[in-house]
C-alpha atoms as a PDB file:
ATOM      1  CA  MET A   1      -1.284 -38.860 -19.712  1.00  0.00           C
ATOM      2  CA  SER A   2      -0.329 -41.835 -21.698  1.00  0.00           C
ATOM      3  CA  HIS A   3       3.011 -42.240 -23.021  1.00  0.00           C
ATOM      4  CA  VAL A   4       3.102 -43.413 -26.640  1.00  0.00           C
ATOM      5  CA  ASP A   5       6.297 -44.185 -28.324  1.00  0.00           C
ATOM      6  CA  TYR A   6       6.412 -43.250 -31.918  1.00  0.00           C
ATOM      7  CA  ALA A   7       8.698 -45.202 -34.184  1.00  0.00           C
ATOM      8  CA  PRO A   8      11.051 -42.971 -36.035  1.00  0.00           C
ATOM      9  CA  VAL A   9      10.098 -42.503 -39.684  1.00  0.00           C
ATOM     10  CA  VAL A  10      12.653 -44.233 -41.871  1.00  0.00           C
ATOM     11  CA  GLU A  11      12.705 -43.170 -45.488  1.00  0.00           C
ATOM     12  CA  LYS A  12      13.067 -45.965 -47.957  1.00  0.00           C
ATOM     13  CA  PRO A  13      16.131 -45.632 -50.107  1.00  0.00           C
ATOM     14  CA  VAL A  14      15.173 -44.596 -53.608  1.00  0.00           C
ATOM     15  CA  ASP A  15      16.568 -46.740 -56.380  1.00  0.00           C
ATOM     16  CA  ARG A  16      18.397 -44.149 -58.393  1.00  0.00           C
ATOM     17  CA  LYS A  17      20.106 -45.115 -61.569  1.00  0.00           C
ATOM     18  CA  PRO A  18      23.026 -42.960 -62.461  1.00  0.00           C
ATOM     19  CA  PRO A  19      22.259 -40.741 -65.458  1.00  0.00           C
ATOM     20  CA  PHE A  20      23.067 -42.260 -68.840  1.00  0.00           C
ATOM     21  CA  ALA A  21      26.526 -41.420 -70.093  1.00  0.00           C
ATOM     22  CA  ILE A  22      28.355 -42.409 -73.270  1.00  0.00           C
ATOM     23  CA  LYS A  23      31.354 -44.595 -72.492  1.00  0.00           C
ATOM     24  CA  ASP A  24      34.816 -43.929 -73.878  1.00  0.00           C
ATOM     25  CA  SER A  25      34.685 -47.189 -75.828  1.00  0.00           C
ATOM     26  CA  SER A  26      31.530 -45.978 -77.627  1.00  0.00           C
ATOM     27  CA  PHE A  27      32.947 -42.621 -78.636  1.00  0.00           C
ATOM     28  CA  ALA A  28      35.398 -42.281 -81.540  1.00  0.00           C
ATOM     29  CA  LEU A  29      35.970 -40.432 -84.780  1.00  0.00           C
ATOM     30  CA  SER A  30      33.418 -41.742 -87.221  1.00  0.00           C
ATOM     31  CA  GLU A  31      36.117 -42.484 -89.804  1.00  0.00           C
ATOM     32  CA  GLN A  32      37.864 -44.810 -87.358  1.00  0.00           C
ATOM     33  CA  LYS A  33      34.768 -46.682 -86.273  1.00  0.00           C
ATOM     34  CA  TYR A  34      32.432 -46.842 -89.259  1.00  0.00           C
ATOM     35  CA  GLY A  35      33.665 -45.244 -92.449  1.00  0.00           C
ATOM     36  CA  VAL A  36      31.992 -43.605 -95.386  1.00  0.00           C
ATOM     37  CA  PHE A  37      32.225 -45.376 -98.721  1.00  0.00           C
ATOM     38  CA  SER A  38      31.335 -44.289-102.246  1.00  0.00           C
ATOM     39  CA  ALA A  39      29.750 -46.491-104.887  1.00  0.00           C
ATOM     40  CA  THR A  40      29.216 -45.480-108.504  1.00  0.00           C
ATOM     41  CA  LEU A  41      26.411 -47.357-110.230  1.00  0.00           C
ATOM     42  CA  PRO A  42      26.464 -47.939-113.985  1.00  0.00           C
ATOM     43  CA  VAL A  43      23.851 -46.077-116.009  1.00  0.00           C
ATOM     44  CA  GLY A  44      20.636 -48.073-116.063  1.00  0.00           C
ATOM     45  CA  VAL A  45      21.077 -49.686-112.638  1.00  0.00           C
ATOM     46  CA  THR A  46      18.256 -48.599-110.357  1.00  0.00           C
ATOM     47  CA  LEU A  47      18.448 -47.665-106.717  1.00  0.00           C
ATOM     48  CA  GLU A  48      16.121 -50.581-105.954  1.00  0.00           C
ATOM     49  CA  GLU A  49      18.726 -52.947-107.403  1.00  0.00           C
ATOM     50  CA  ALA A  50      21.421 -51.367-105.210  1.00  0.00           C
ATOM     51  CA  LEU A  51      19.309 -52.033-102.114  1.00  0.00           C
ATOM     52  CA  ARG A  52      19.474 -55.798-102.704  1.00  0.00           C
ATOM     53  CA  THR A  53      21.890 -57.695-100.422  1.00  0.00           C
ATOM     54  CA  GLU A  54      23.568 -59.544-103.280  1.00  0.00           C
ATOM     55  CA  ALA A  55      24.370 -56.317-105.132  1.00  0.00           C
ATOM     56  CA  TRP A  56      27.250 -55.864-102.668  1.00  0.00           C
ATOM     57  CA  ALA A  57      28.692 -59.403-102.999  1.00  0.00           C
ATOM     58  CA  HIS A  58      31.963 -58.266-104.630  1.00  0.00           C
ATOM     59  CA  VAL A  59      32.758 -55.562-102.069  1.00  0.00           C
ATOM     60  CA  CYS A  60      31.344 -56.903 -98.791  1.00  0.00           C
ATOM     61  CA  HIS A  61      34.801 -58.266 -97.853  1.00  0.00           C
ATOM     62  CA  MET A  62      35.942 -54.655 -97.406  1.00  0.00           C
ATOM     63  CA  LEU A  63      33.476 -54.243 -94.526  1.00  0.00           C
ATOM     64  CA  GLN A  64      33.789 -57.678 -92.948  1.00  0.00           C
ATOM     65  CA  LYS A  65      35.523 -58.440 -89.669  1.00  0.00           C
ATOM     66  CA  GLN A  66      39.276 -58.791 -90.153  1.00  0.00           C
ATOM     67  CA  PRO A  67      40.436 -61.862 -88.212  1.00  0.00           C
ATOM     68  CA  TYR A  68      44.161 -61.091 -88.458  1.00  0.00           C
ATOM     69  CA  THR A  69      43.939 -57.548 -87.121  1.00  0.00           C
ATOM     70  CA  GLY A  70      40.906 -57.997 -84.897  1.00  0.00           C
ATOM     71  CA  GLU A  71      39.157 -55.109 -86.641  1.00  0.00           C
ATOM     72  CA  ALA A  72      35.368 -55.337 -86.246  1.00  0.00           C
ATOM     73  CA  ALA A  73      32.945 -55.459 -89.156  1.00  0.00           C
ATOM     74  CA  LEU A  74      31.923 -52.024 -90.352  1.00  0.00           C
ATOM     75  CA  THR A  75      28.222 -52.386 -89.614  1.00  0.00           C
ATOM     76  CA  GLY A  76      26.924 -48.839 -89.332  1.00  0.00           C
ATOM     77  CA  ALA A  77      29.008 -47.513 -92.228  1.00  0.00           C
ATOM     78  CA  ILE A  78      27.503 -45.113 -94.745  1.00  0.00           C
ATOM     79  CA  ILE A  79      27.603 -45.709 -98.500  1.00  0.00           C
ATOM     80  CA  GLU A  80      27.140 -42.729-100.798  1.00  0.00           C
ATOM     81  CA  VAL A  81      25.640 -43.952-104.059  1.00  0.00           C
ATOM     82  CA  ARG A  82      25.910 -42.078-107.360  1.00  0.00           C
ATOM     83  CA  THR A  83      25.408 -43.040-110.971  1.00  0.00           C
ATOM     84  CA  GLU A  84      27.961 -42.584-113.739  1.00  0.00           C
ATOM     85  CA  ASP A  85      25.686 -40.027-115.376  1.00  0.00           C
ATOM     86  CA  HIS A  86      25.037 -38.244-112.062  1.00  0.00           C
ATOM     87  CA  ALA A  87      21.290 -38.797-112.346  1.00  0.00           C
ATOM     88  CA  PHE A  88      20.850 -39.271-108.597  1.00  0.00           C
ATOM     89  CA  TYR A  89      22.598 -39.352-105.239  1.00  0.00           C
ATOM     90  CA  ALA A  90      21.552 -41.421-102.234  1.00  0.00           C
ATOM     91  CA  ARG A  91      22.932 -42.434 -98.837  1.00  0.00           C
ATOM     92  CA  LEU A  92      22.697 -45.979 -97.552  1.00  0.00           C
ATOM     93  CA  TYR A  93      23.196 -47.254 -94.012  1.00  0.00           C
ATOM     94  CA  VAL A  94      24.913 -50.645 -93.612  1.00  0.00           C
ATOM     95  CA  ARG A  95      22.743 -52.596 -91.171  1.00  0.00           C
ATOM     96  CA  ALA A  96      24.550 -55.923 -91.461  1.00  0.00           C
ATOM     97  CA  VAL A  97      27.686 -57.284 -93.074  1.00  0.00           C
ATOM     98  CA  GLN A  98      27.206 -60.786 -94.404  1.00  0.00           C
ATOM     99  CA  GLU A  99      29.521 -63.301 -95.995  1.00  0.00           C
ATOM    100  CA  ARG A 100      28.152 -62.642 -99.485  1.00  0.00           C
ATOM    101  CA  GLY A 101      26.509 -59.249 -99.291  1.00  0.00           C
ATOM    102  CA  LEU A 102      25.423 -56.260 -97.249  1.00  0.00           C
ATOM    103  CA  VAL A 103      22.061 -55.459 -95.733  1.00  0.00           C
ATOM    104  CA  VAL A 104      21.559 -51.768 -96.483  1.00  0.00           C
ATOM    105  CA  SER A 105      18.757 -49.275 -95.918  1.00  0.00           C
ATOM    106  CA  LEU A 106      18.077 -46.000 -97.643  1.00  0.00           C
ATOM    107  CA  ILE A 107      18.613 -42.887 -95.508  1.00  0.00           C
ATOM    108  CA  GLY A 108      16.042 -40.292 -96.507  1.00  0.00           C
ATOM    109  CA  GLU A 109      14.981 -39.780-100.092  1.00  0.00           C
ATOM    110  CA  PRO A 110      17.413 -39.952-103.016  1.00  0.00           C
ATOM    111  CA  GLU A 111      18.235 -36.667-104.693  1.00  0.00           C
ATOM    112  CA  TRP A 112      17.330 -36.781-108.381  1.00  0.00           C
ATOM    113  CA  PHE A 113      18.971 -34.434-110.863  1.00  0.00           C
ATOM    114  CA  GLY A 114      16.954 -33.871-113.998  1.00  0.00           C
ATOM    115  CA  PRO A 115      14.267 -36.221-115.300  1.00  0.00           C
ATOM    116  CA  LYS A 116      14.323 -39.864-114.185  1.00  0.00           C
ATOM    117  CA  GLU A 117      13.929 -40.946-117.802  1.00  0.00           C
ATOM    118  CA  ILE A 118      13.939 -39.377-121.240  1.00  0.00           C
ATOM    119  CA  LYS A 119      10.467 -39.312-122.767  1.00  0.00           C
ATOM    120  CA  SER A 120      10.158 -39.247-126.540  1.00  0.00           C
ATOM    121  CA  LYS A 121       8.502 -41.311-129.245  1.00  0.00           C
ATOM    122  CA  THR A 122      10.994 -40.125-131.866  1.00  0.00           C
ATOM    123  CA  TYR A 123      14.332 -40.156-130.027  1.00  0.00           C
ATOM    124  CA  GLU A 124      16.118 -42.188-127.394  1.00  0.00           C
ATOM    125  CA  THR A 125      19.309 -41.611-125.483  1.00  0.00           C
ATOM    126  CA  ARG A 126      22.297 -43.764-124.665  1.00  0.00           C
ATOM    127  CA  TRP A 127      24.994 -42.985-122.107  1.00  0.00           C
ATOM    128  CA  ASN A 128      28.366 -42.693-123.854  1.00  0.00           C
ATOM    129  CA  ILE A 129      31.076 -43.617-121.345  1.00  0.00           C
ATOM    130  CA  GLY A 130      33.902 -42.181-123.462  1.00  0.00           C
ATOM    131  CA  HIS A 131      32.307 -38.753-123.842  1.00  0.00           C
ATOM    132  CA  LYS A 132      30.618 -38.862-120.416  1.00  0.00           C
ATOM    133  CA  GLY A 133      27.396 -37.647-121.931  1.00  0.00           C
ATOM    134  CA  TYR A 134      24.261 -38.744-123.767  1.00  0.00           C
ATOM    135  CA  ASP A 135      24.105 -39.638-127.451  1.00  0.00           C
ATOM    136  CA  ILE A 136      20.707 -38.835-128.931  1.00  0.00           C
ATOM    137  CA  ILE A 137      19.517 -41.487-131.346  1.00  0.00           C
ATOM    138  CA  ARG A 138      16.681 -41.162-133.865  1.00  0.00           C
ATOM    139  CA  LYS A 139      14.516 -44.271-133.447  1.00  0.00           C
ATOM    140  CA  SER A 140      13.444 -44.553-137.091  1.00  0.00           C
ATOM    141  CA  ASP A 141      16.916 -45.239-138.519  1.00  0.00           C
ATOM    142  CA  ARG A 142      19.075 -45.618-135.344  1.00  0.00           C
ATOM    143  CA  GLU A 143      21.201 -42.641-136.469  1.00  0.00           C
ATOM    144  CA  ILE A 144      23.046 -40.627-133.806  1.00  0.00           C
ATOM    145  CA  VAL A 145      21.707 -37.114-134.267  1.00  0.00           C
ATOM    146  CA  GLY A 146      23.155 -35.581-131.103  1.00  0.00           C
ATOM    147  CA  ASP A 147      26.732 -36.181-129.964  1.00  0.00           C
ATOM    148  CA  ALA A 148      27.309 -37.056-126.306  1.00  0.00           C
ATOM    149  CA  SER A 149      30.028 -34.434-125.941  1.00  0.00           C
ATOM    150  CA  LYS A 150      27.281 -31.782-126.225  1.00  0.00           C
ATOM    151  CA  PHE A 151      24.844 -33.379-123.743  1.00  0.00           C
ATOM    152  CA  PRO A 152      26.575 -34.073-120.425  1.00  0.00           C
ATOM    153  CA  THR A 153      23.315 -34.355-118.461  1.00  0.00           C
ATOM    154  CA  ARG A 154      19.984 -36.072-118.937  1.00  0.00           C
ATOM    155  CA  GLU A 155      18.143 -32.748-118.787  1.00  0.00           C
ATOM    156  CA  ALA A 156      20.343 -31.267-121.548  1.00  0.00           C
ATOM    157  CA  ALA A 157      19.419 -34.223-123.786  1.00  0.00           C
ATOM    158  CA  GLN A 158      15.729 -33.888-122.880  1.00  0.00           C
ATOM    159  CA  ASN A 159      15.797 -30.138-123.619  1.00  0.00           C
ATOM    160  CA  TRP A 160      17.314 -30.760-127.071  1.00  0.00           C
ATOM    161  CA  ILE A 161      14.725 -33.455-127.827  1.00  0.00           C
ATOM    162  CA  ASP A 162      11.887 -31.185-126.663  1.00  0.00           C
ATOM    163  CA  LYS A 163      13.199 -28.375-128.900  1.00  0.00           C
ATOM    164  CA  MET A 164      13.481 -30.684-131.930  1.00  0.00           C
ATOM    165  CA  ILE A 165       9.934 -31.983-131.444  1.00  0.00           C
ATOM    166  CA  LYS A 166       8.594 -28.444-130.955  1.00  0.00           C
ATOM    167  CA  ASP A 167      10.374 -27.104-134.064  1.00  0.00           C
ATOM    168  CA  GLY A 168       9.133 -30.093-136.026  1.00  0.00           C
END
């Protein structure tokens, strides 16, 4: 009988990465780390205009890095956008804070309330800041035929216009 020595089988160590875990420094109350801001757009300003970097030139300093306190820039903040006439609501994500603006992206689809625009050949509307509603103006003589205090929403103005056109 021959004697054969067998080398012991040595298992190779398996490279095992520890499972991913969120670090303490990456976990905080959202309000402390990022913030949620609100912006009210004037009537007539479109959401597309609000997505432009330079639209945020006058407020970007509020999100910039603060050298005296060491506070980081608020990249990652959320901006809730509304219009004065409450025609729509949208959420924007701040992707970058620049010296003269913000790089923002739309989160989801904006929520529209009522029609996007008033459609009529006979009448037009104008947002009345003082009454926080829509004046209805007859195009032929520029006379205000519907007072803004009675039409707080775009759809209320459109309904009145539709009724006037229907009734002749």
